[in-house]
Each structure stands twice: as C-alpha cells, then as structure tokens.
PDB file of N, CA and C in Angstrom:
ATOM      1  N   MET A   1       4.002 -12.438 -32.722  1.00  0.00           N
ATOM      2  CA  MET A   1       4.261 -11.024 -32.808  1.00  0.00           C
ATOM      3  C   MET A   1       5.671 -10.819 -33.368  1.00  0.00           C
ATOM      4  N   ILE A   2       5.760  -9.982 -34.345  1.00  0.00           N
ATOM      5  CA  ILE A   2       7.054  -9.668 -34.938  1.00  0.00           C
ATOM      6  C   ILE A   2       7.467  -8.297 -34.438  1.00  0.00           C
ATOM      7  N   LEU A   3       8.612  -8.253 -33.781  1.00  0.00           N
ATOM      8  CA  LEU A   3       9.120  -6.990 -33.254  1.00  0.00           C
ATOM      9  C   LEU A   3      10.010  -6.318 -34.289  1.00  0.00           C
ATOM     10  N   PRO A   4       9.993  -5.000 -34.325  1.00  0.00           N
ATOM     11  CA  PRO A   4      10.814  -4.292 -35.307  1.00  0.00           C
ATOM     12  C   PRO A   4      12.317  -4.496 -35.075  1.00  0.00           C
ATOM     13  N   HIS A   5      12.733  -4.688 -33.842  1.00  0.00           N
ATOM     14  CA  HIS A   5      14.141  -4.915 -33.501  1.00  0.00           C
ATOM     15  C   HIS A   5      14.230  -6.196 -32.689  1.00  0.00           C
ATOM     16  N   HIS A   6      15.293  -6.935 -32.881  1.00  0.00           N
ATOM     17  CA  HIS A   6      15.486  -8.193 -32.159  1.00  0.00           C
ATOM     18  C   HIS A   6      16.708  -8.052 -31.260  1.00  0.00           C
ATOM     19  N   HIS A   7      16.463  -7.701 -29.981  1.00  0.00           N
ATOM     20  CA  HIS A   7      17.557  -7.508 -29.041  1.00  0.00           C
ATOM     21  C   HIS A   7      17.698  -8.680 -28.071  1.00  0.00           C
ATOM     22  N   ASN A   8      16.664  -9.445 -27.922  1.00  0.00           N
ATOM     23  CA  ASN A   8      16.659 -10.552 -26.969  1.00  0.00           C
ATOM     24  C   ASN A   8      16.252 -11.838 -27.650  1.00  0.00           C
ATOM     25  N   GLU A   9      16.373 -12.926 -26.902  1.00  0.00           N
ATOM     26  CA  GLU A   9      15.916 -14.205 -27.420  1.00  0.00           C
ATOM     27  C   GLU A   9      14.418 -14.152 -27.679  1.00  0.00           C
ATOM     28  N   GLU A  10      13.998 -14.801 -28.710  1.00  0.00           N
ATOM     29  CA  GLU A  10      12.575 -14.811 -29.046  1.00  0.00           C
ATOM     30  C   GLU A  10      11.743 -15.488 -27.963  1.00  0.00           C
ATOM     31  N   MET A  11      12.299 -16.529 -27.307  1.00  0.00           N
ATOM     32  CA  MET A  11      11.568 -17.219 -26.243  1.00  0.00           C
ATOM     33  C   MET A  11      11.319 -16.270 -25.071  1.00  0.00           C
ATOM     34  N   THR A  12      12.308 -15.456 -24.718  1.00  0.00           N
ATOM     35  CA  THR A  12      12.169 -14.501 -23.621  1.00  0.00           C
ATOM     36  C   THR A  12      11.091 -13.489 -23.967  1.00  0.00           C
ATOM     37  N   MET A  13      11.112 -13.009 -25.171  1.00  0.00           N
ATOM     38  CA  MET A  13      10.133 -12.009 -25.594  1.00  0.00           C
ATOM     39  C   MET A  13       8.726 -12.599 -25.599  1.00  0.00           C
ATOM     40  N   ASP A  14       8.583 -13.848 -25.981  1.00  0.00           N
ATOM     41  CA  ASP A  14       7.270 -14.497 -25.958  1.00  0.00           C
ATOM     42  C   ASP A  14       6.738 -14.586 -24.533  1.00  0.00           C
ATOM     43  N   ARG A  15       7.605 -14.962 -23.590  1.00  0.00           N
ATOM     44  CA  ARG A  15       7.177 -15.042 -22.190  1.00  0.00           C
ATOM     45  C   ARG A  15       6.797 -13.656 -21.662  1.00  0.00           C
ATOM     46  N   LEU A  16       7.596 -12.648 -21.994  1.00  0.00           N
ATOM     47  CA  LEU A  16       7.276 -11.288 -21.556  1.00  0.00           C
ATOM     48  C   LEU A  16       5.934 -10.832 -22.127  1.00  0.00           C
ATOM     49  N   ARG A  17       5.719 -11.105 -23.406  1.00  0.00           N
ATOM     50  CA  ARG A  17       4.467 -10.703 -24.048  1.00  0.00           C
ATOM     51  C   ARG A  17       3.272 -11.376 -23.384  1.00  0.00           C
ATOM     52  N   GLN A  18       3.399 -12.657 -23.059  1.00  0.00           N
ATOM     53  CA  GLN A  18       2.306 -13.380 -22.406  1.00  0.00           C
ATOM     54  C   GLN A  18       1.971 -12.761 -21.059  1.00  0.00           C
ATOM     55  N   GLU A  19       2.987 -12.411 -20.306  1.00  0.00           N
ATOM     56  CA  GLU A  19       2.742 -11.791 -18.995  1.00  0.00           C
ATOM     57  C   GLU A  19       2.140 -10.395 -19.161  1.00  0.00           C
ATOM     58  N   MET A  20       2.608  -9.646 -20.126  1.00  0.00           N
ATOM     59  CA  MET A  20       2.113  -8.287 -20.323  1.00  0.00           C
ATOM     60  C   MET A  20       0.668  -8.260 -20.802  1.00  0.00           C
ATOM     61  N   GLU A  21       0.201  -9.362 -21.367  1.00  0.00           N
ATOM     62  CA  GLU A  21      -1.197  -9.440 -21.798  1.00  0.00           C
ATOM     63  C   GLU A  21      -2.156  -9.521 -20.613  1.00  0.00           C
ATOM     64  N   LYS A  22      -1.639  -9.834 -19.439  1.00  0.00           N
ATOM     65  CA  LYS A  22      -2.469  -9.925 -18.234  1.00  0.00           C
ATOM     66  C   LYS A  22      -2.662  -8.511 -17.668  1.00  0.00           C
ATOM     67  N   THR A  23      -3.355  -7.685 -18.411  1.00  0.00           N
ATOM     68  CA  THR A  23      -3.477  -6.277 -18.042  1.00  0.00           C
ATOM     69  C   THR A  23      -4.170  -6.075 -16.702  1.00  0.00           C
ATOM     70  N   GLU A  24      -5.056  -6.987 -16.306  1.00  0.00           N
ATOM     71  CA  GLU A  24      -5.738  -6.820 -15.018  1.00  0.00           C
ATOM     72  C   GLU A  24      -4.749  -6.931 -13.851  1.00  0.00           C
ATOM     73  N   ASP A  25      -3.708  -7.756 -14.003  1.00  0.00           N
ATOM     74  CA  ASP A  25      -2.685  -7.858 -12.962  1.00  0.00           C
ATOM     75  C   ASP A  25      -1.916  -6.544 -12.825  1.00  0.00           C
ATOM     76  N   PHE A  26      -1.592  -5.948 -13.942  1.00  0.00           N
ATOM     77  CA  PHE A  26      -0.876  -4.664 -13.910  1.00  0.00           C
ATOM     78  C   PHE A  26      -1.772  -3.563 -13.353  1.00  0.00           C
ATOM     79  N   GLN A  27      -3.062  -3.640 -13.645  1.00  0.00           N
ATOM     80  CA  GLN A  27      -3.994  -2.661 -13.099  1.00  0.00           C
ATOM     81  C   GLN A  27      -4.093  -2.795 -11.588  1.00  0.00           C
ATOM     82  N   THR A  28      -4.078  -4.020 -11.097  1.00  0.00           N
ATOM     83  CA  THR A  28      -4.100  -4.250  -9.658  1.00  0.00           C
ATOM     84  C   THR A  28      -2.881  -3.607  -9.006  1.00  0.00           C
ATOM     85  N   ALA A  29      -1.706  -3.806  -9.592  1.00  0.00           N
ATOM     86  CA  ALA A  29      -0.481  -3.200  -9.048  1.00  0.00           C
ATOM     87  C   ALA A  29      -0.576  -1.677  -9.090  1.00  0.00           C
ATOM     88  N   ALA A  30      -1.082  -1.129 -10.182  1.00  0.00           N
ATOM     89  CA  ALA A  30      -1.218   0.324 -10.295  1.00  0.00           C
ATOM     90  C   ALA A  30      -2.175   0.867  -9.239  1.00  0.00           C
ATOM     91  N   ASN A  31      -3.247   0.135  -8.966  1.00  0.00           N
ATOM     92  CA  ASN A  31      -4.207   0.568  -7.946  1.00  0.00           C
ATOM     93  C   ASN A  31      -3.570   0.597  -6.563  1.00  0.00           C
ATOM     94  N   VAL A  32      -2.736  -0.382  -6.262  1.00  0.00           N
ATOM     95  CA  VAL A  32      -2.049  -0.402  -4.964  1.00  0.00           C
ATOM     96  C   VAL A  32      -1.113   0.791  -4.860  1.00  0.00           C
ATOM     97  N   PHE A  33      -0.348   1.053  -5.904  1.00  0.00           N
ATOM     98  CA  PHE A  33       0.569   2.198  -5.870  1.00  0.00           C
ATOM     99  C   PHE A  33      -0.188   3.518  -5.797  1.00  0.00           C
ATOM    100  N   ARG A  34      -1.353   3.573  -6.426  1.00  0.00           N
ATOM    101  CA  ARG A  34      -2.166   4.792  -6.369  1.00  0.00           C
ATOM    102  C   ARG A  34      -2.585   5.085  -4.926  1.00  0.00           C
ATOM    103  N   GLN A  35      -2.830   4.028  -4.157  1.00  0.00           N
ATOM    104  CA  GLN A  35      -3.206   4.211  -2.757  1.00  0.00           C
ATOM    105  C   GLN A  35      -2.125   4.955  -1.985  1.00  0.00           C
ATOM    106  N   LEU A  36      -0.880   4.756  -2.370  1.00  0.00           N
ATOM    107  CA  LEU A  36       0.228   5.364  -1.648  1.00  0.00           C
ATOM    108  C   LEU A  36       0.823   6.561  -2.396  1.00  0.00           C
ATOM    109  N   ALA A  37       0.033   7.172  -3.262  1.00  0.00           N
ATOM    110  CA  ALA A  37       0.507   8.320  -4.039  1.00  0.00           C
ATOM    111  C   ALA A  37       0.484   9.609  -3.228  1.00  0.00           C
ATOM    112  N   ASP A  38       0.091   9.543  -1.969  1.00  0.00           N
ATOM    113  CA  ASP A  38       0.028  10.709  -1.094  1.00  0.00           C
ATOM    114  C   ASP A  38       0.905  10.445   0.128  1.00  0.00           C
ATOM    115  N   ALA A  39       1.780  11.394   0.456  1.00  0.00           N
ATOM    116  CA  ALA A  39       2.716  11.207   1.566  1.00  0.00           C
ATOM    117  C   ALA A  39       1.991  10.982   2.893  1.00  0.00           C
ATOM    118  N   ASN A  40       0.854  11.629   3.088  1.00  0.00           N
ATOM    119  CA  ASN A  40       0.111  11.427   4.333  1.00  0.00           C
ATOM    120  C   ASN A  40      -0.432  10.009   4.433  1.00  0.00           C
ATOM    121  N   ARG A  41      -0.884   9.456   3.323  1.00  0.00           N
ATOM    122  CA  ARG A  41      -1.361   8.064   3.343  1.00  0.00           C
ATOM    123  C   ARG A  41      -0.206   7.114   3.621  1.00  0.00           C
ATOM    124  N   VAL A  42       0.971   7.415   3.083  1.00  0.00           N
ATOM    125  CA  VAL A  42       2.141   6.577   3.353  1.00  0.00           C
ATOM    126  C   VAL A  42       2.459   6.609   4.847  1.00  0.00           C
ATOM    127  N   ARG A  43       2.445   7.797   5.442  1.00  0.00           N
ATOM    128  CA  ARG A  43       2.716   7.908   6.879  1.00  0.00           C
ATOM    129  C   ARG A  43       1.682   7.145   7.701  1.00  0.00           C
ATOM    130  N   ILE A  44       0.418   7.312   7.351  1.00  0.00           N
ATOM    131  CA  ILE A  44      -0.657   6.625   8.078  1.00  0.00           C
ATOM    132  C   ILE A  44      -0.521   5.118   7.914  1.00  0.00           C
ATOM    133  N   PHE A  45      -0.301   4.682   6.696  1.00  0.00           N
ATOM    134  CA  PHE A  45      -0.158   3.244   6.447  1.00  0.00           C
ATOM    135  C   PHE A  45       1.030   2.685   7.227  1.00  0.00           C
ATOM    136  N   TRP A  46       2.169   3.361   7.181  1.00  0.00           N
ATOM    137  CA  TRP A  46       3.353   2.883   7.891  1.00  0.00           C
ATOM    138  C   TRP A  46       3.076   2.770   9.387  1.00  0.00           C
ATOM    139  N   MET A  47       2.423   3.781   9.940  1.00  0.00           N
ATOM    140  CA  MET A  47       2.098   3.750  11.361  1.00  0.00           C
ATOM    141  C   MET A  47       1.198   2.553  11.679  1.00  0.00           C
ATOM    142  N   LEU A  48       0.205   2.310  10.831  1.00  0.00           N
ATOM    143  CA  LEU A  48      -0.739   1.217  11.074  1.00  0.00           C
ATOM    144  C   LEU A  48      -0.116  -0.160  10.846  1.00  0.00           C
ATOM    145  N   CYS A  49       1.062  -0.201  10.272  1.00  0.00           N
ATOM    146  CA  CYS A  49       1.801  -1.463  10.173  1.00  0.00           C
ATOM    147  C   CYS A  49       2.366  -1.856  11.537  1.00  0.00           C
ATOM    148  N   HIS A  50       2.409  -0.888  12.467  1.00  0.00           N
ATOM    149  CA  HIS A  50       3.021  -1.123  13.772  1.00  0.00           C
ATOM    150  C   HIS A  50       2.037  -1.102  14.927  1.00  0.00           C
ATOM    151  N   CYS A  51       0.845  -0.607  14.684  1.00  0.00           N
ATOM    152  CA  CYS A  51      -0.122  -0.522  15.780  1.00  0.00           C
ATOM    153  C   CYS A  51      -1.535  -0.474  15.223  1.00  0.00           C
ATOM    154  N   GLU A  52      -2.469  -0.663  16.110  1.00  0.00           N
ATOM    155  CA  GLU A  52      -3.890  -0.511  15.793  1.00  0.00           C
ATOM    156  C   GLU A  52      -4.340   0.769  16.490  1.00  0.00           C
ATOM    157  N   GLU A  53      -4.961   1.682  15.757  1.00  0.00           N
ATOM    158  CA  GLU A  53      -5.327   2.980  16.329  1.00  0.00           C
ATOM    159  C   GLU A  53      -6.677   3.459  15.824  1.00  0.00           C
ATOM    160  N   CYS A  54      -7.248   4.390  16.595  1.00  0.00           N
ATOM    161  CA  CYS A  54      -8.503   5.034  16.210  1.00  0.00           C
ATOM    162  C   CYS A  54      -8.189   6.323  15.447  1.00  0.00           C
ATOM    163  N   VAL A  55      -9.190   6.884  14.782  1.00  0.00           N
ATOM    164  CA  VAL A  55      -9.025   8.091  13.976  1.00  0.00           C
ATOM    165  C   VAL A  55      -8.490   9.247  14.816  1.00  0.00           C
ATOM    166  N   THR A  56      -9.006   9.406  16.029  1.00  0.00           N
ATOM    167  CA  THR A  56      -8.591  10.524  16.878  1.00  0.00           C
ATOM    168  C   THR A  56      -7.096  10.467  17.166  1.00  0.00           C
ATOM    169  N   ASP A  57      -6.599   9.294  17.529  1.00  0.00           N
ATOM    170  CA  ASP A  57      -5.170   9.163  17.823  1.00  0.00           C
ATOM    171  C   ASP A  57      -4.314   9.282  16.559  1.00  0.00           C
ATOM    172  N   ILE A  58      -4.789   8.731  15.463  1.00  0.00           N
ATOM    173  CA  ILE A  58      -4.057   8.863  14.195  1.00  0.00           C
ATOM    174  C   ILE A  58      -3.958  10.339  13.830  1.00  0.00           C
ATOM    175  N   SER A  59      -5.071  11.069  13.976  1.00  0.00           N
ATOM    176  CA  SER A  59      -5.081  12.501  13.668  1.00  0.00           C
ATOM    177  C   SER A  59      -4.044  13.245  14.484  1.00  0.00           C
ATOM    178  N   ALA A  60      -3.959  12.930  15.765  1.00  0.00           N
ATOM    179  CA  ALA A  60      -2.987  13.588  16.628  1.00  0.00           C
ATOM    180  C   ALA A  60      -1.559  13.236  16.213  1.00  0.00           C
ATOM    181  N   MET A  61      -1.329  11.981  15.860  1.00  0.00           N
ATOM    182  CA  MET A  61       0.014  11.539  15.473  1.00  0.00           C
ATOM    183  C   MET A  61       0.508  12.206  14.194  1.00  0.00           C
ATOM    184  N   VAL A  62      -0.382  12.368  13.214  1.00  0.00           N
ATOM    185  CA  VAL A  62       0.048  12.923  11.923  1.00  0.00           C
ATOM    186  C   VAL A  62      -0.240  14.415  11.789  1.00  0.00           C
ATOM    187  N   GLY A  63      -0.889  15.003  12.800  1.00  0.00           N
ATOM    188  CA  GLY A  63      -1.151  16.439  12.768  1.00  0.00           C
ATOM    189  C   GLY A  63      -2.148  16.858  11.707  1.00  0.00           C
ATOM    190  N   MET A  64      -3.191  16.057  11.549  1.00  0.00           N
ATOM    191  CA  MET A  64      -4.232  16.340  10.560  1.00  0.00           C
ATOM    192  C   MET A  64      -5.592  16.282  11.241  1.00  0.00           C
ATOM    193  N   SER A  65      -6.592  16.867  10.598  1.00  0.00           N
ATOM    194  CA  SER A  65      -7.947  16.809  11.142  1.00  0.00           C
ATOM    195  C   SER A  65      -8.497  15.386  11.014  1.00  0.00           C
ATOM    196  N   SER A  66      -9.435  15.064  11.883  1.00  0.00           N
ATOM    197  CA  SER A  66     -10.070  13.739  11.829  1.00  0.00           C
ATOM    198  C   SER A  66     -10.753  13.475  10.491  1.00  0.00           C
ATOM    199  N   PRO A  67     -11.478  14.465   9.911  1.00  0.00           N
ATOM    200  CA  PRO A  67     -12.087  14.203   8.604  1.00  0.00           C
ATOM    201  C   PRO A  67     -11.052  13.909   7.509  1.00  0.00           C
ATOM    202  N   ALA A  68      -9.921  14.609   7.551  1.00  0.00           N
ATOM    203  CA  ALA A  68      -8.875  14.356   6.550  1.00  0.00           C
ATOM    204  C   ALA A  68      -8.296  12.956   6.729  1.00  0.00           C
ATOM    205  N   VAL A  69      -8.041  12.570   7.969  1.00  0.00           N
ATOM    206  CA  VAL A  69      -7.517  11.232   8.248  1.00  0.00           C
ATOM    207  C   VAL A  69      -8.540  10.176   7.834  1.00  0.00           C
ATOM    208  N   SER A  70      -9.811  10.415   8.141  1.00  0.00           N
ATOM    209  CA  SER A  70     -10.862   9.467   7.756  1.00  0.00           C
ATOM    210  C   SER A  70     -10.895   9.258   6.250  1.00  0.00           C
ATOM    211  N   HIS A  71     -10.695  10.331   5.500  1.00  0.00           N
ATOM    212  CA  HIS A  71     -10.660  10.237   4.032  1.00  0.00           C
ATOM    213  C   HIS A  71      -9.507   9.324   3.591  1.00  0.00           C
ATOM    214  N   HIS A  72      -8.326   9.532   4.159  1.00  0.00           N
ATOM    215  CA  HIS A  72      -7.176   8.699   3.807  1.00  0.00           C
ATOM    216  C   HIS A  72      -7.399   7.252   4.229  1.00  0.00           C
ATOM    217  N   LEU A  73      -7.981   7.040   5.388  1.00  0.00           N
ATOM    218  CA  LEU A  73      -8.256   5.679   5.856  1.00  0.00           C
ATOM    219  C   LEU A  73      -9.232   4.968   4.933  1.00  0.00           C
ATOM    220  N   GLN A  74     -10.238   5.691   4.477  1.00  0.00           N
ATOM    221  CA  GLN A  74     -11.212   5.083   3.570  1.00  0.00           C
ATOM    222  C   GLN A  74     -10.534   4.638   2.278  1.00  0.00           C
ATOM    223  N   GLN A  75      -9.617   5.448   1.761  1.00  0.00           N
ATOM    224  CA  GLN A  75      -8.911   5.067   0.535  1.00  0.00           C
ATOM    225  C   GLN A  75      -8.012   3.861   0.760  1.00  0.00           C
ATOM    226  N   LEU A  76      -7.293   3.854   1.874  1.00  0.00           N
ATOM    227  CA  LEU A  76      -6.437   2.711   2.186  1.00  0.00           C
ATOM    228  C   LEU A  76      -7.254   1.435   2.394  1.00  0.00           C
ATOM    229  N   LYS A  77      -8.394   1.581   3.035  1.00  0.00           N
ATOM    230  CA  LYS A  77      -9.255   0.424   3.280  1.00  0.00           C
ATOM    231  C   LYS A  77      -9.866  -0.094   1.982  1.00  0.00           C
ATOM    232  N   SER A  78     -10.313   0.804   1.124  1.00  0.00           N
ATOM    233  CA  SER A  78     -10.906   0.364  -0.150  1.00  0.00           C
ATOM    234  C   SER A  78      -9.860  -0.318  -1.028  1.00  0.00           C
ATOM    235  N   GLY A  79      -8.593   0.036  -0.837  1.00  0.00           N
ATOM    236  CA  GLY A  79      -7.519  -0.613  -1.576  1.00  0.00           C
ATOM    237  C   GLY A  79      -7.044  -1.907  -0.948  1.00  0.00           C
ATOM    238  N   GLY A  80      -7.634  -2.280   0.196  1.00  0.00           N
ATOM    239  CA  GLY A  80      -7.288  -3.536   0.849  1.00  0.00           C
ATOM    240  C   GLY A  80      -5.990  -3.495   1.639  1.00  0.00           C
ATOM    241  N   LEU A  81      -5.461  -2.287   1.884  1.00  0.00           N
ATOM    242  CA  LEU A  81      -4.192  -2.195   2.602  1.00  0.00           C
ATOM    243  C   LEU A  81      -4.372  -2.153   4.114  1.00  0.00           C
ATOM    244  N   ILE A  82      -5.553  -1.744   4.580  1.00  0.00           N
ATOM    245  CA  ILE A  82      -5.819  -1.728   6.019  1.00  0.00           C
ATOM    246  C   ILE A  82      -7.172  -2.377   6.290  1.00  0.00           C
ATOM    247  N   THR A  83      -7.374  -2.751   7.548  1.00  0.00           N
ATOM    248  CA  THR A  83      -8.649  -3.300   7.991  1.00  0.00           C
ATOM    249  C   THR A  83      -9.116  -2.494   9.196  1.00  0.00           C
ATOM    250  N   SER A  84     -10.363  -2.694   9.565  1.00  0.00           N
ATOM    251  CA  SER A  84     -10.891  -1.988  10.733  1.00  0.00           C
ATOM    252  C   SER A  84     -11.754  -2.937  11.559  1.00  0.00           C
ATOM    253  N   ARG A  85     -11.906  -2.562  12.817  1.00  0.00           N
ATOM    254  CA  ARG A  85     -12.816  -3.292  13.700  1.00  0.00           C
ATOM    255  C   ARG A  85     -13.470  -2.272  14.622  1.00  0.00           C
ATOM    256  N   ARG A  86     -14.707  -2.554  14.976  1.00  0.00           N
ATOM    257  CA  ARG A  86     -15.464  -1.670  15.853  1.00  0.00           C
ATOM    258  C   ARG A  86     -15.472  -2.231  17.264  1.00  0.00           C
ATOM    259  N   ASP A  87     -15.242  -1.334  18.225  1.00  0.00           N
ATOM    260  CA  ASP A  87     -15.326  -1.680  19.640  1.00  0.00           C
ATOM    261  C   ASP A  87     -16.206  -0.611  20.277  1.00  0.00           C
ATOM    262  N   GLY A  88     -17.491  -0.920  20.432  1.00  0.00           N
ATOM    263  CA  GLY A  88     -18.443   0.087  20.901  1.00  0.00           C
ATOM    264  C   GLY A  88     -18.607   1.169  19.848  1.00  0.00           C
ATOM    265  N   LYS A  89     -18.374   2.409  20.232  1.00  0.00           N
ATOM    266  CA  LYS A  89     -18.488   3.522  19.279  1.00  0.00           C
ATOM    267  C   LYS A  89     -17.179   3.797  18.544  1.00  0.00           C
ATOM    268  N   GLU A  90     -16.121   3.187  18.999  1.00  0.00           N
ATOM    269  CA  GLU A  90     -14.788   3.453  18.437  1.00  0.00           C
ATOM    270  C   GLU A  90     -14.450   2.453  17.335  1.00  0.00           C
ATOM    271  N   VAL A  91     -13.816   2.942  16.260  1.00  0.00           N
ATOM    272  CA  VAL A  91     -13.340   2.088  15.172  1.00  0.00           C
ATOM    273  C   VAL A  91     -11.820   2.130  15.198  1.00  0.00           C
ATOM    274  N   TYR A  92     -11.210   0.963  15.146  1.00  0.00           N
ATOM    275  CA  TYR A  92      -9.760   0.846  15.178  1.00  0.00           C
ATOM    276  C   TYR A  92      -9.264   0.330  13.825  1.00  0.00           C
ATOM    277  N   TYR A  93      -8.138   0.871  13.388  1.00  0.00           N
ATOM    278  CA  TYR A  93      -7.559   0.521  12.094  1.00  0.00           C
ATOM    279  C   TYR A  93      -6.170  -0.067  12.289  1.00  0.00           C
ATOM    280  N   LYS A  94      -5.816  -0.989  11.379  1.00  0.00           N
ATOM    281  CA  LYS A  94      -4.469  -1.545  11.349  1.00  0.00           C
ATOM    282  C   LYS A  94      -4.190  -2.028   9.929  1.00  0.00           C
ATOM    283  N   ALA A  95      -2.921  -2.276   9.649  1.00  0.00           N
ATOM    284  CA  ALA A  95      -2.545  -2.779   8.330  1.00  0.00           C
ATOM    285  C   ALA A  95      -3.160  -4.156   8.124  1.00  0.00           C
ATOM    286  N   ALA A  96      -3.576  -4.418   6.906  1.00  0.00           N
ATOM    287  CA  ALA A  96      -4.140  -5.730   6.570  1.00  0.00           C
ATOM    288  C   ALA A  96      -3.047  -6.789   6.666  1.00  0.00           C
ATOM    289  N   ASP A  97      -3.437  -7.974   7.040  1.00  0.00           N
ATOM    290  CA  ASP A  97      -2.501  -9.095   7.132  1.00  0.00           C
ATOM    291  C   ASP A  97      -2.424  -9.775   5.766  1.00  0.00           C
ATOM    292  N   THR A  98      -1.811  -9.060   4.822  1.00  0.00           N
ATOM    293  CA  THR A  98      -1.694  -9.574   3.454  1.00  0.00           C
ATOM    294  C   THR A  98      -0.253  -9.443   2.983  1.00  0.00           C
ATOM    295  N   GLU A  99       0.071 -10.201   1.989  1.00  0.00           N
ATOM    296  CA  GLU A  99       1.410 -10.127   1.397  1.00  0.00           C
ATOM    297  C   GLU A  99       1.662  -8.734   0.818  1.00  0.00           C
ATOM    298  N   GLU A 100       0.636  -8.141   0.195  1.00  0.00           N
ATOM    299  CA  GLU A 100       0.798  -6.801  -0.379  1.00  0.00           C
ATOM    300  C   GLU A 100       1.163  -5.784   0.700  1.00  0.00           C
ATOM    301  N   SER A 101       0.466  -5.830   1.825  1.00  0.00           N
ATOM    302  CA  SER A 101       0.752  -4.890   2.905  1.00  0.00           C
ATOM    303  C   SER A 101       2.158  -5.086   3.454  1.00  0.00           C
ATOM    304  N   ARG A 102       2.548  -6.336   3.633  1.00  0.00           N
ATOM    305  CA  ARG A 102       3.893  -6.598   4.157  1.00  0.00           C
ATOM    306  C   ARG A 102       4.965  -6.102   3.189  1.00  0.00           C
ATOM    307  N   LEU A 103       4.773  -6.361   1.898  1.00  0.00           N
ATOM    308  CA  LEU A 103       5.749  -5.912   0.906  1.00  0.00           C
ATOM    309  C   LEU A 103       5.818  -4.384   0.837  1.00  0.00           C
ATOM    310  N   LEU A 104       4.670  -3.732   0.885  1.00  0.00           N
ATOM    311  CA  LEU A 104       4.673  -2.271   0.849  1.00  0.00           C
ATOM    312  C   LEU A 104       5.329  -1.697   2.094  1.00  0.00           C
ATOM    313  N   HIS A 105       5.076  -2.302   3.240  1.00  0.00           N
ATOM    314  CA  HIS A 105       5.709  -1.870   4.473  1.00  0.00           C
ATOM    315  C   HIS A 105       7.230  -1.952   4.334  1.00  0.00           C
ATOM    316  N   GLN A 106       7.725  -3.080   3.878  1.00  0.00           N
ATOM    317  CA  GLN A 106       9.164  -3.257   3.705  1.00  0.00           C
ATOM    318  C   GLN A 106       9.725  -2.279   2.672  1.00  0.00           C
ATOM    319  N   THR A 107       8.992  -2.074   1.595  1.00  0.00           N
ATOM    320  CA  THR A 107       9.439  -1.164   0.546  1.00  0.00           C
ATOM    321  C   THR A 107       9.548   0.256   1.061  1.00  0.00           C
ATOM    322  N   ILE A 108       8.544   0.702   1.806  1.00  0.00           N
ATOM    323  CA  ILE A 108       8.572   2.048   2.381  1.00  0.00           C
ATOM    324  C   ILE A 108       9.812   2.201   3.249  1.00  0.00           C
ATOM    325  N   GLU A 109      10.074   1.223   4.078  1.00  0.00           N
ATOM    326  CA  GLU A 109      11.220   1.312   4.981  1.00  0.00           C
ATOM    327  C   GLU A 109      12.542   1.330   4.234  1.00  0.00           C
ATOM    328  N   LYS A 110      12.635   0.588   3.163  1.00  0.00           N
ATOM    329  CA  LYS A 110      13.873   0.586   2.373  1.00  0.00           C
ATOM    330  C   LYS A 110      14.047   1.914   1.634  1.00  0.00           C
ATOM    331  N   ILE A 111      12.964   2.435   1.075  1.00  0.00           N
ATOM    332  CA  ILE A 111      13.056   3.668   0.304  1.00  0.00           C
ATOM    333  C   ILE A 111      13.462   4.846   1.171  1.00  0.00           C
ATOM    334  N   ILE A 112      12.864   4.969   2.353  1.00  0.00           N
ATOM    335  CA  ILE A 112      13.160   6.141   3.178  1.00  0.00           C
ATOM    336  C   ILE A 112      14.129   5.832   4.304  1.00  0.00           C
ATOM    337  N   ASP A 113      14.683   4.628   4.305  1.00  0.00           N
ATOM    338  CA  ASP A 113      15.690   4.237   5.288  1.00  0.00           C
ATOM    339  C   ASP A 113      15.204   4.499   6.713  1.00  0.00           C
ATOM    340  N   ILE A 114      14.068   3.900   7.019  1.00  0.00           N
ATOM    341  CA  ILE A 114      13.465   4.009   8.348  1.00  0.00           C
ATOM    342  C   ILE A 114      13.355   2.606   8.913  1.00  0.00           C
ATOM    343  N   THR A 115      13.424   2.486  10.203  1.00  0.00           N
ATOM    344  CA  THR A 115      13.374   1.172  10.846  1.00  0.00           C
ATOM    345  C   THR A 115      12.132   1.073  11.712  1.00  0.00           C
ATOM    346  N   CYS A 116      11.555  -0.116  11.712  1.00  0.00           N
ATOM    347  CA  CYS A 116      10.413  -0.373  12.589  1.00  0.00           C
ATOM    348  C   CYS A 116      10.832  -0.129  14.030  1.00  0.00           C
ATOM    349  N   PRO A 117       9.948   0.457  14.820  1.00  0.00           N
ATOM    350  CA  PRO A 117      10.276   0.719  16.229  1.00  0.00           C
ATOM    351  C   PRO A 117      10.704  -0.530  16.998  1.00  0.00           C
ATOM    352  N   GLU A 118      10.105  -1.676  16.710  1.00  0.00           N
ATOM    353  CA  GLU A 118      10.436  -2.872  17.472  1.00  0.00           C
ATOM    354  C   GLU A 118      11.713  -3.552  16.981  1.00  0.00           C
ATOM    355  N   ARG A 119      12.325  -3.084  15.902  1.00  0.00           N
ATOM    356  CA  ARG A 119      13.535  -3.723  15.363  1.00  0.00           C
ATOM    357  C   ARG A 119      14.815  -2.995  15.756  1.00  0.00           C
ATOM    358  N   LYS A 120      14.778  -2.071  16.656  1.00  0.00           N
ATOM    359  CA  LYS A 120      15.961  -1.279  16.992  1.00  0.00           C
ATOM    360  C   LYS A 120      17.043  -2.132  17.445  1.00  0.00           C
TER     361      LYS A 120
END
C-alpha cells in the first residue's frame, strides 16, 4: 500500500495496516461499546460487577420498571457482559467472569472516578 504522505516508518505502517484489516476484531470491540452506550446499562453493569441480583432488586436499585431493566439485562447478556442463573422461579444476574467484563468495570471506575464498595 502506498500512502499519500509518509509520516511514520514504513514497517510501523505495515503492521498497523495488517491489524486494521482484522475488521471482525474491531467489530467485536464496537459491539461491546454499543452495549454500554446507555447510562442505565452502565449503572446496571457496574452494580452487577459487585453483586448477583434479581430483576426486582435491580429495578429498585436503579429506579426503573422491571420490564425496562429486563430489556437492559437482555442486551448486556447477549453481549456477553453478564450471566444469569435460575433458582426456582427467580433469575439472578451478575457480571460475566471474562477479561472484557473486568476491563470494562475498571474503565467505568476510572472514567467516573468511582470506587468499588469493597475497596474503600
């Protein structure tokens, strides 16, 4: 590839171009960020990084209706950021035990300068 301007080493540009060709990786990152494009989902996700809760309790914590919370939970779950388990009739949600979830949790805390309750 010949670039119109040469500002960097050609070897660096070749490596960058090779990585940028992996469009599916960038799409994966965009999908994760899309999951957190809503402040309510960020709040719910952050809370679930610290506890496992049911829809009713999550609704009370964030001041939203259960159907609205369920909608946000479904989006977070489809994005792989949270998991769920059933105990009788109740479904409990928590953050997924993945590197992506841990990184997003840390990023949220750095961006809004908030501390985990257990780290006081």
